[in-house]
C-alpha atoms as a PDB file:
ATOM      1  CA  UNK A   1       4.157  25.643 -14.607  1.00  0.00           C
ATOM      2  CA  UNK A   2       2.226  22.501 -14.837  1.00  0.00           C
ATOM      3  CA  UNK A   3      -1.507  21.968 -14.225  1.00  0.00           C
ATOM      4  CA  UNK A   4      -4.238  19.221 -14.553  1.00  0.00           C
ATOM      5  CA  UNK A   5      -7.579  20.186 -15.478  1.00  0.00           C
ATOM      6  CA  UNK A   6     -10.743  18.509 -14.471  1.00  0.00           C
ATOM      7  CA  UNK A   7      -8.688  15.087 -15.667  1.00  0.00           C
ATOM      8  CA  UNK A   8     -10.798  11.921 -16.127  1.00  0.00           C
ATOM      9  CA  UNK A   9      -9.593   8.910 -18.103  1.00  0.00           C
ATOM     10  CA  UNK A  10     -11.127   5.583 -18.381  1.00  0.00           C
ATOM     11  CA  UNK A  11     -10.211   2.145 -19.930  1.00  0.00           C
ATOM     12  CA  UNK A  12     -13.532   0.962 -21.239  1.00  0.00           C
ATOM     13  CA  UNK A  13     -16.243   1.098 -19.190  1.00  0.00           C
ATOM     14  CA  UNK A  14     -13.888   0.949 -16.050  1.00  0.00           C
ATOM     15  CA  UNK A  15     -13.083   4.599 -14.788  1.00  0.00           C
ATOM     16  CA  UNK A  16      -9.477   4.630 -13.437  1.00  0.00           C
ATOM     17  CA  UNK A  17      -9.317   8.707 -12.838  1.00  0.00           C
ATOM     18  CA  UNK A  18     -11.978  11.376 -12.234  1.00  0.00           C
ATOM     19  CA  UNK A  19     -12.249  14.705 -11.797  1.00  0.00           C
ATOM     20  CA  UNK A  20      -8.516  15.427 -11.176  1.00  0.00           C
ATOM     21  CA  UNK A  21      -7.141  19.181 -10.593  1.00  0.00           C
ATOM     22  CA  UNK A  22      -3.647  19.689  -9.504  1.00  0.00           C
ATOM     23  CA  UNK A  23      -0.806  22.193 -10.190  1.00  0.00           C
ATOM     24  CA  UNK A  24       2.772  21.643  -9.953  1.00  0.00           C
ATOM     25  CA  UNK A  25       4.900  24.939  -9.321  1.00  0.00           C
ATOM     26  CA  UNK A  26       8.497  25.458 -10.250  1.00  0.00           C
ATOM     27  CA  UNK A  27      11.398  24.281  -7.604  1.00  0.00           C
ATOM     28  CA  UNK A  28       8.930  21.547  -6.288  1.00  0.00           C
ATOM     29  CA  UNK A  29       9.277  17.881  -5.863  1.00  0.00           C
ATOM     30  CA  UNK A  30       6.015  16.285  -5.660  1.00  0.00           C
ATOM     31  CA  UNK A  31       5.223  12.664  -4.099  1.00  0.00           C
ATOM     32  CA  UNK A  32       2.215  10.846  -5.716  1.00  0.00           C
ATOM     33  CA  UNK A  33       0.829   8.013  -3.124  1.00  0.00           C
ATOM     34  CA  UNK A  34      -2.047   5.778  -2.745  1.00  0.00           C
ATOM     35  CA  UNK A  35      -2.887   2.284  -2.850  1.00  0.00           C
ATOM     36  CA  UNK A  36      -2.445  -0.105  -5.383  1.00  0.00           C
ATOM     37  CA  UNK A  37      -4.996   0.416  -8.089  1.00  0.00           C
ATOM     38  CA  UNK A  38      -5.842   4.058  -7.383  1.00  0.00           C
ATOM     39  CA  UNK A  39      -4.637   5.322 -10.916  1.00  0.00           C
ATOM     40  CA  UNK A  40      -0.928   6.733  -9.665  1.00  0.00           C
ATOM     41  CA  UNK A  41       0.936   5.162 -12.776  1.00  0.00           C
ATOM     42  CA  UNK A  42      -1.846   6.231 -15.234  1.00  0.00           C
ATOM     43  CA  UNK A  43      -1.651   9.958 -13.508  1.00  0.00           C
ATOM     44  CA  UNK A  44       2.093  10.109 -14.293  1.00  0.00           C
ATOM     45  CA  UNK A  45       1.213   8.369 -17.869  1.00  0.00           C
ATOM     46  CA  UNK A  46      -0.866  11.137 -18.894  1.00  0.00           C
ATOM     47  CA  UNK A  47       1.246  13.866 -17.672  1.00  0.00           C
ATOM     48  CA  UNK A  48       4.250  12.354 -19.382  1.00  0.00           C
ATOM     49  CA  UNK A  49       1.895  12.729 -22.718  1.00  0.00           C
ATOM     50  CA  UNK A  50       2.040   8.782 -22.908  1.00  0.00           C
ATOM     51  CA  UNK A  51      -1.594   8.595 -22.512  1.00  0.00           C
ATOM     52  CA  UNK A  52      -4.114  11.377 -23.419  1.00  0.00           C
ATOM     53  CA  UNK A  53      -7.003  12.649 -21.084  1.00  0.00           C
ATOM     54  CA  UNK A  54     -10.775  11.364 -21.903  1.00  0.00           C
ATOM     55  CA  UNK A  55     -11.490  14.374 -20.348  1.00  0.00           C
ATOM     56  CA  UNK A  56      -9.584  17.424 -18.898  1.00  0.00           C
ATOM     57  CA  UNK A  57      -6.553  18.921 -20.114  1.00  0.00           C
ATOM     58  CA  UNK A  58      -3.093  19.137 -19.097  1.00  0.00           C
ATOM     59  CA  UNK A  59      -1.590  22.681 -18.991  1.00  0.00           C
ATOM     60  CA  UNK A  60       2.296  23.119 -19.777  1.00  0.00           C
ATOM     61  CA  UNK A  61       3.098  26.925 -19.157  1.00  0.00           C
ATOM     62  CA  UNK A  62      -0.383  27.836 -21.126  1.00  0.00           C
ATOM     63  CA  UNK A  63      -0.365  25.277 -23.930  1.00  0.00           C
ATOM     64  CA  UNK A  64      -1.970  22.017 -24.025  1.00  0.00           C
ATOM     65  CA  UNK A  65       0.147  19.513 -23.739  1.00  0.00           C
ATOM     66  CA  UNK A  66      -1.575  17.128 -26.565  1.00  0.00           C
ATOM     67  CA  UNK A  67      -1.415  20.028 -28.829  1.00  0.00           C
ATOM     68  CA  UNK A  68       2.584  19.805 -28.711  1.00  0.00           C
ATOM     69  CA  UNK A  69       4.416  18.020 -31.081  1.00  0.00           C
ATOM     70  CA  UNK A  70       5.909  15.380 -29.522  1.00  0.00           C
ATOM     71  CA  UNK A  71       9.644  16.327 -30.247  1.00  0.00           C
ATOM     72  CA  UNK A  72       9.021  19.836 -28.647  1.00  0.00           C
ATOM     73  CA  UNK A  73       7.120  18.378 -25.775  1.00  0.00           C
ATOM     74  CA  UNK A  74      10.329  16.038 -25.198  1.00  0.00           C
ATOM     75  CA  UNK A  75      12.248  19.049 -24.359  1.00  0.00           C
ATOM     76  CA  UNK A  76       9.945  20.124 -21.508  1.00  0.00           C
ATOM     77  CA  UNK A  77       8.740  16.734 -19.751  1.00  0.00           C
ATOM     78  CA  UNK A  78      11.083  13.393 -19.094  1.00  0.00           C
ATOM     79  CA  UNK A  79       9.681  10.205 -18.066  1.00  0.00           C
ATOM     80  CA  UNK A  80      11.379   7.502 -15.741  1.00  0.00           C
ATOM     81  CA  UNK A  81       8.914   4.678 -15.990  1.00  0.00           C
ATOM     82  CA  UNK A  82       7.963   1.811 -14.068  1.00  0.00           C
ATOM     83  CA  UNK A  83       9.851  -0.553 -15.911  1.00  0.00           C
ATOM     84  CA  UNK A  84      12.008  -0.605 -19.192  1.00  0.00           C
ATOM     85  CA  UNK A  85      13.172  -3.547 -21.217  1.00  0.00           C
ATOM     86  CA  UNK A  86      14.922  -3.630 -24.588  1.00  0.00           C
ATOM     87  CA  UNK A  87      15.551  -6.795 -27.057  1.00  0.00           C
ATOM     88  CA  UNK A  88      18.445  -4.686 -28.811  1.00  0.00           C
ATOM     89  CA  UNK A  89      21.750  -4.813 -27.299  1.00  0.00           C
ATOM     90  CA  UNK A  90      22.346  -1.223 -26.793  1.00  0.00           C
ATOM     91  CA  UNK A  91      25.357   0.162 -24.259  1.00  0.00           C
ATOM     92  CA  UNK A  92      24.563   1.764 -21.544  1.00  0.00           C
ATOM     93  CA  UNK A  93      26.150   5.272 -23.438  1.00  0.00           C
ATOM     94  CA  UNK A  94      23.695   4.324 -26.222  1.00  0.00           C
ATOM     95  CA  UNK A  95      20.649   4.260 -23.677  1.00  0.00           C
ATOM     96  CA  UNK A  96      21.566   7.761 -22.038  1.00  0.00           C
ATOM     97  CA  UNK A  97      22.083   9.110 -25.985  1.00  0.00           C
ATOM     98  CA  UNK A  98      18.231   8.224 -26.289  1.00  0.00           C
ATOM     99  CA  UNK A  99      17.721  11.272 -23.773  1.00  0.00           C
ATOM    100  CA  UNK A 100      19.394  13.827 -26.176  1.00  0.00           C
ATOM    101  CA  UNK A 101      16.899  12.843 -29.008  1.00  0.00           C
ATOM    102  CA  UNK A 102      14.440  15.874 -28.580  1.00  0.00           C
ATOM    103  CA  UNK A 103      17.994  17.991 -29.369  1.00  0.00           C
ATOM    104  CA  UNK A 104      19.741  16.028 -31.855  1.00  0.00           C
ATOM    105  CA  UNK A 105      20.014  14.569 -35.407  1.00  0.00           C
ATOM    106  CA  UNK A 106      20.661  11.650 -36.568  1.00  0.00           C
ATOM    107  CA  UNK A 107      23.381  12.931 -38.816  1.00  0.00           C
ATOM    108  CA  UNK A 108      25.441  14.809 -35.912  1.00  0.00           C
ATOM    109  CA  UNK A 109      25.713  14.458 -32.014  1.00  0.00           C
ATOM    110  CA  UNK A 110      27.250  17.547 -30.486  1.00  0.00           C
ATOM    111  CA  UNK A 111      29.623  18.133 -27.782  1.00  0.00           C
ATOM    112  CA  UNK A 112      27.180  19.364 -25.397  1.00  0.00           C
ATOM    113  CA  UNK A 113      25.469  15.946 -25.681  1.00  0.00           C
ATOM    114  CA  UNK A 114      28.759  13.789 -24.921  1.00  0.00           C
ATOM    115  CA  UNK A 115      28.989  16.124 -22.081  1.00  0.00           C
ATOM    116  CA  UNK A 116      25.551  15.979 -20.725  1.00  0.00           C
ATOM    117  CA  UNK A 117      26.151  12.213 -20.522  1.00  0.00           C
ATOM    118  CA  UNK A 118      29.729  12.494 -18.741  1.00  0.00           C
ATOM    119  CA  UNK A 119      28.010  14.983 -16.288  1.00  0.00           C
ATOM    120  CA  UNK A 120      25.190  13.275 -15.160  1.00  0.00           C
ATOM    121  CA  UNK A 121      26.844   9.771 -15.216  1.00  0.00           C
ATOM    122  CA  UNK A 122      29.210  11.076 -12.944  1.00  0.00           C
ATOM    123  CA  UNK A 123      26.578  12.597 -10.384  1.00  0.00           C
ATOM    124  CA  UNK A 124      24.655   8.840  -9.906  1.00  0.00           C
ATOM    125  CA  UNK A 125      28.383   6.979  -9.975  1.00  0.00           C
ATOM    126  CA  UNK A 126      27.667   5.308 -13.157  1.00  0.00           C
ATOM    127  CA  UNK A 127      30.580   6.758 -15.320  1.00  0.00           C
ATOM    128  CA  UNK A 128      31.873   3.111 -15.235  1.00  0.00           C
ATOM    129  CA  UNK A 129      29.097   1.439 -16.854  1.00  0.00           C
ATOM    130  CA  UNK A 130      29.006   3.361 -19.765  1.00  0.00           C
ATOM    131  CA  UNK A 131      30.268   1.036 -22.329  1.00  0.00           C
ATOM    132  CA  UNK A 132      28.967  -1.948 -20.592  1.00  0.00           C
ATOM    133  CA  UNK A 133      25.534  -3.679 -22.205  1.00  0.00           C
ATOM    134  CA  UNK A 134      22.273  -2.639 -20.488  1.00  0.00           C
ATOM    135  CA  UNK A 135      21.174  -5.880 -20.658  1.00  0.00           C
ATOM    136  CA  UNK A 136      23.900  -7.306 -18.214  1.00  0.00           C
ATOM    137  CA  UNK A 137      23.330  -4.871 -15.972  1.00  0.00           C
ATOM    138  CA  UNK A 138      21.974  -5.472 -12.401  1.00  0.00           C
ATOM    139  CA  UNK A 139      18.235  -4.563 -11.900  1.00  0.00           C
ATOM    140  CA  UNK A 140      19.495  -1.651  -9.597  1.00  0.00           C
ATOM    141  CA  UNK A 141      22.296  -0.953 -12.224  1.00  0.00           C
ATOM    142  CA  UNK A 142      19.804  -0.668 -14.916  1.00  0.00           C
ATOM    143  CA  UNK A 143      17.295   1.285 -12.986  1.00  0.00           C
ATOM    144  CA  UNK A 144      20.114   4.309 -12.274  1.00  0.00           C
ATOM    145  CA  UNK A 145      20.492   4.114 -16.127  1.00  0.00           C
ATOM    146  CA  UNK A 146      16.943   4.653 -16.924  1.00  0.00           C
ATOM    147  CA  UNK A 147      16.972   7.679 -14.241  1.00  0.00           C
ATOM    148  CA  UNK A 148      20.325   9.112 -16.018  1.00  0.00           C
ATOM    149  CA  UNK A 149      18.754   9.175 -19.453  1.00  0.00           C
ATOM    150  CA  UNK A 150      15.393  11.432 -17.986  1.00  0.00           C
ATOM    151  CA  UNK A 151      18.480  13.315 -16.238  1.00  0.00           C
ATOM    152  CA  UNK A 152      20.131  13.820 -19.650  1.00  0.00           C
ATOM    153  CA  UNK A 153      17.136  14.934 -21.255  1.00  0.00           C
ATOM    154  CA  UNK A 154      17.517  17.780 -19.052  1.00  0.00           C
ATOM    155  CA  UNK A 155      13.929  19.071 -18.982  1.00  0.00           C
ATOM    156  CA  UNK A 156      12.222  21.870 -16.887  1.00  0.00           C
ATOM    157  CA  UNK A 157       9.611  18.990 -15.485  1.00  0.00           C
ATOM    158  CA  UNK A 158      10.581  15.771 -14.634  1.00  0.00           C
ATOM    159  CA  UNK A 159       7.886  12.729 -13.802  1.00  0.00           C
ATOM    160  CA  UNK A 160       8.876   9.541 -12.428  1.00  0.00           C
ATOM    161  CA  UNK A 161       7.144   6.257 -11.611  1.00  0.00           C
ATOM    162  CA  UNK A 162       8.653   3.944  -8.533  1.00  0.00           C
ATOM    163  CA  UNK A 163      12.408   5.682  -9.563  1.00  0.00           C
ATOM    164  CA  UNK A 164      13.825   4.348  -6.384  1.00  0.00           C
ATOM    165  CA  UNK A 165      12.737   0.790  -7.043  1.00  0.00           C
ATOM    166  CA  UNK A 166      15.484  -1.746  -7.283  1.00  0.00           C
ATOM    167  CA  UNK A 167      18.069   0.549  -5.748  1.00  0.00           C
ATOM    168  CA  UNK A 168      20.102   0.151  -2.549  1.00  0.00           C
ATOM    169  CA  UNK A 169      20.329   2.641   0.091  1.00  0.00           C
ATOM    170  CA  UNK A 170      23.423   3.740  -0.732  1.00  0.00           C
ATOM    171  CA  UNK A 171      22.290   4.729  -4.485  1.00  0.00           C
ATOM    172  CA  UNK A 172      18.976   5.578  -3.257  1.00  0.00           C
ATOM    173  CA  UNK A 173      20.471   8.353  -1.164  1.00  0.00           C
ATOM    174  CA  UNK A 174      22.603   9.593  -4.304  1.00  0.00           C
ATOM    175  CA  UNK A 175      19.602   9.838  -6.317  1.00  0.00           C
ATOM    176  CA  UNK A 176      17.172  11.532  -4.079  1.00  0.00           C
ATOM    177  CA  UNK A 177      19.634  14.236  -3.375  1.00  0.00           C
ATOM    178  CA  UNK A 178      20.231  14.722  -7.089  1.00  0.00           C
ATOM    179  CA  UNK A 179      16.361  14.929  -6.968  1.00  0.00           C
ATOM    180  CA  UNK A 180      16.671  17.645  -4.375  1.00  0.00           C
ATOM    181  CA  UNK A 181      19.747  19.504  -6.779  1.00  0.00           C
ATOM    182  CA  UNK A 182      17.254  19.377  -9.350  1.00  0.00           C
ATOM    183  CA  UNK A 183      14.685  21.250  -7.286  1.00  0.00           C
ATOM    184  CA  UNK A 184      16.845  23.974  -6.372  1.00  0.00           C
ATOM    185  CA  UNK A 185      17.918  24.574  -9.891  1.00  0.00           C
ATOM    186  CA  UNK A 186      14.402  25.235 -10.720  1.00  0.00           C
ATOM    187  CA  UNK A 187      12.907  22.088 -11.868  1.00  0.00           C
ATOM    188  CA  UNK A 188       9.528  20.714 -11.472  1.00  0.00           C
ATOM    189  CA  UNK A 189       9.834  17.032 -10.014  1.00  0.00           C
ATOM    190  CA  UNK A 190       6.463  14.882 -10.193  1.00  0.00           C
ATOM    191  CA  UNK A 191       6.797  10.718  -8.859  1.00  0.00           C
ATOM    192  CA  UNK A 192       4.851   8.111  -7.645  1.00  0.00           C
ATOM    193  CA  UNK A 193       6.143   6.148  -4.730  1.00  0.00           C
ATOM    194  CA  UNK A 194       5.260   3.488  -2.482  1.00  0.00           C
ATOM    195  CA  UNK A 195       7.323   4.676  -0.085  1.00  0.00           C
ATOM    196  CA  UNK A 196       5.877   7.068   2.382  1.00  0.00           C
ATOM    197  CA  UNK A 197       8.780   8.007   4.222  1.00  0.00           C
ATOM    198  CA  UNK A 198      10.374   9.310   1.325  1.00  0.00           C
ATOM    199  CA  UNK A 199       7.307  10.829   0.182  1.00  0.00           C
ATOM    200  CA  UNK A 200       7.519  12.734   3.640  1.00  0.00           C
ATOM    201  CA  UNK A 201      11.577  13.766   3.841  1.00  0.00           C
ATOM    202  CA  UNK A 202      12.362  14.608   0.433  1.00  0.00           C
ATOM    203  CA  UNK A 203       8.483  16.183  -0.605  1.00  0.00           C
ATOM    204  CA  UNK A 204       7.034  19.914  -0.651  1.00  0.00           C
ATOM    205  CA  UNK A 205       3.398  18.263  -1.885  1.00  0.00           C
ATOM    206  CA  UNK A 206       1.933  14.956  -1.393  1.00  0.00           C
ATOM    207  CA  UNK A 207      -1.091  13.597  -2.981  1.00  0.00           C
ATOM    208  CA  UNK A 208      -3.075  10.707  -1.909  1.00  0.00           C
ATOM    209  CA  UNK A 209      -4.843   9.087  -4.465  1.00  0.00           C
ATOM    210  CA  UNK A 210      -7.947   6.250  -3.739  1.00  0.00           C
ATOM    211  CA  UNK A 211     -10.151   4.867  -6.132  1.00  0.00           C
ATOM    212  CA  UNK A 212      -9.312   7.181  -8.927  1.00  0.00           C
ATOM    213  CA  UNK A 213      -9.741  10.407  -6.902  1.00  0.00           C
ATOM    214  CA  UNK A 214      -7.702  12.876  -4.828  1.00  0.00           C
ATOM    215  CA  UNK A 215      -7.953  11.899  -1.235  1.00  0.00           C
ATOM    216  CA  UNK A 216      -5.593  14.419   0.230  1.00  0.00           C
ATOM    217  CA  UNK A 217      -2.896  16.645  -1.137  1.00  0.00           C
ATOM    218  CA  UNK A 218      -1.288  19.336   0.251  1.00  0.00           C
ATOM    219  CA  UNK A 219       2.086  19.220   2.500  1.00  0.00           C
ATOM    220  CA  UNK A 220       3.482  16.089   4.383  1.00  0.00           C
ATOM    221  CA  UNK A 221       3.044  17.574   7.728  1.00  0.00           C
ATOM    222  CA  UNK A 222      -0.931  18.037   6.510  1.00  0.00           C
ATOM    223  CA  UNK A 223      -1.046  14.984   4.484  1.00  0.00           C
ATOM    224  CA  UNK A 224       0.567  12.197   6.200  1.00  0.00           C
ATOM    225  CA  UNK A 225      -1.221  11.784   9.314  1.00  0.00           C
ATOM    226  CA  UNK A 226      -2.110   8.672  11.516  1.00  0.00           C
ATOM    227  CA  UNK A 227      -5.930   9.499  10.265  1.00  0.00           C
ATOM    228  CA  UNK A 228      -5.390   9.991   6.795  1.00  0.00           C
ATOM    229  CA  UNK A 229      -3.029   7.082   6.427  1.00  0.00           C
ATOM    230  CA  UNK A 230      -5.742   4.871   7.976  1.00  0.00           C
ATOM    231  CA  UNK A 231      -8.400   5.838   6.114  1.00  0.00           C
ATOM    232  CA  UNK A 232      -6.407   5.546   2.096  1.00  0.00           C
ATOM    233  CA  UNK A 233      -4.730   2.538   3.083  1.00  0.00           C
ATOM    234  CA  UNK A 234      -6.854   0.671   5.882  1.00  0.00           C
ATOM    235  CA  UNK A 235      -3.616   0.099   7.156  1.00  0.00           C
ATOM    236  CA  UNK A 236      -2.630   1.042  11.247  1.00  0.00           C
ATOM    237  CA  UNK A 237       0.730   2.360  11.251  1.00  0.00           C
ATOM    238  CA  UNK A 238       3.707   3.432  13.827  1.00  0.00           C
ATOM    239  CA  UNK A 239       4.551   7.137  13.668  1.00  0.00           C
ATOM    240  CA  UNK A 240       6.575   9.394  14.891  1.00  0.00           C
ATOM    241  CA  UNK A 241       8.698  12.812  13.652  1.00  0.00           C
ATOM    242  CA  UNK A 242      12.052  13.465  12.413  1.00  0.00           C
ATOM    243  CA  UNK A 243      14.123  14.306  14.577  1.00  0.00           C
ATOM    244  CA  UNK A 244      14.307  18.687  14.276  1.00  0.00           C
ATOM    245  CA  UNK A 245      11.244  18.414  12.067  1.00  0.00           C
ATOM    246  CA  UNK A 246       7.619  18.223  11.807  1.00  0.00           C
ATOM    247  CA  UNK A 247       8.254  15.659   9.039  1.00  0.00           C
ATOM    248  CA  UNK A 248       6.566  11.942   9.636  1.00  0.00           C
ATOM    249  CA  UNK A 249       8.486   8.992   9.399  1.00  0.00           C
ATOM    250  CA  UNK A 250       5.706   5.549   9.492  1.00  0.00           C
ATOM    251  CA  UNK A 251       6.308   2.393   9.504  1.00  0.00           C
ATOM    252  CA  UNK A 252       3.876  -0.653   9.394  1.00  0.00           C
ATOM    253  CA  UNK A 253       2.370  -1.513  12.843  1.00  0.00           C
ATOM    254  CA  UNK A 254       4.239  -5.053  13.554  1.00  0.00           C
ATOM    255  CA  UNK A 255       4.774  -5.167  17.198  1.00  0.00           C
ATOM    256  CA  UNK A 256       2.363  -3.546  20.042  1.00  0.00           C
ATOM    257  CA  UNK A 257       3.968  -0.558  21.378  1.00  0.00           C
ATOM    258  CA  UNK A 258       4.281  -1.344  25.173  1.00  0.00           C
ATOM    259  CA  UNK A 259       2.780   0.983  27.866  1.00  0.00           C
ATOM    260  CA  UNK A 260       5.590   2.822  29.609  1.00  0.00           C
ATOM    261  CA  UNK A 261       4.831   3.428  32.848  1.00  0.00           C
ATOM    262  CA  UNK A 262       5.920   6.975  34.473  1.00  0.00           C
ATOM    263  CA  UNK A 263       8.401   7.286  37.256  1.00  0.00           C
ATOM    264  CA  UNK A 264       6.142   7.973  40.327  1.00  0.00           C
ATOM    265  CA  UNK A 265       2.516   6.444  38.794  1.00  0.00           C
END
């Protein structure tokens, strides 16, 4: 579906990414994790077509991403940025309509676009916000709207940069459950996250970036080991398995774990 071939990127003389090779399949969720400054946001912007690689290529279904016209590209890949602000007093409905730009002209909005907006707003529980000004919403509400705009775009690939930041536990659950639904519908989901448990419990593949290169990539069970986490983040963690699975559940090591003496010893 989406392939990264020998990707390099730099700002001036600063090398940000080097020798990145990845493949993202259909029907999968991939989480990109790593320490601050490891190149995660830069990589996600290149995948979204916002930045161009200094070397290497992004291939979407045998097409070079940079050579696809921007409006056509927006029918294939949607993007949720880490931050979204606007000085224009748009309503939530108008923000969501931006996601339909690849399919519409400026003179006529189709009934399909109105239907899609209502459908996505209902799934995310934001239908009551549609006529409210975006600027007057809370940070969490704004985040849900920006996510909804990408879902309204209805692309086979969706890339997200820290999508669940600002979300309370209820809306985070709604959003992550929707990602699983999208995956089961055949979409390719790629997200940057600092939440190792989200990466573990919701991903098919996890990639750790460190110092602009791929440190580890594979299944959550293979990548999110105590050793890999310590080497990537230089932090000791409490590490256990989610009941009934091999998926890790991880927390920073705050309290010393007491030694429990077994009976009879």
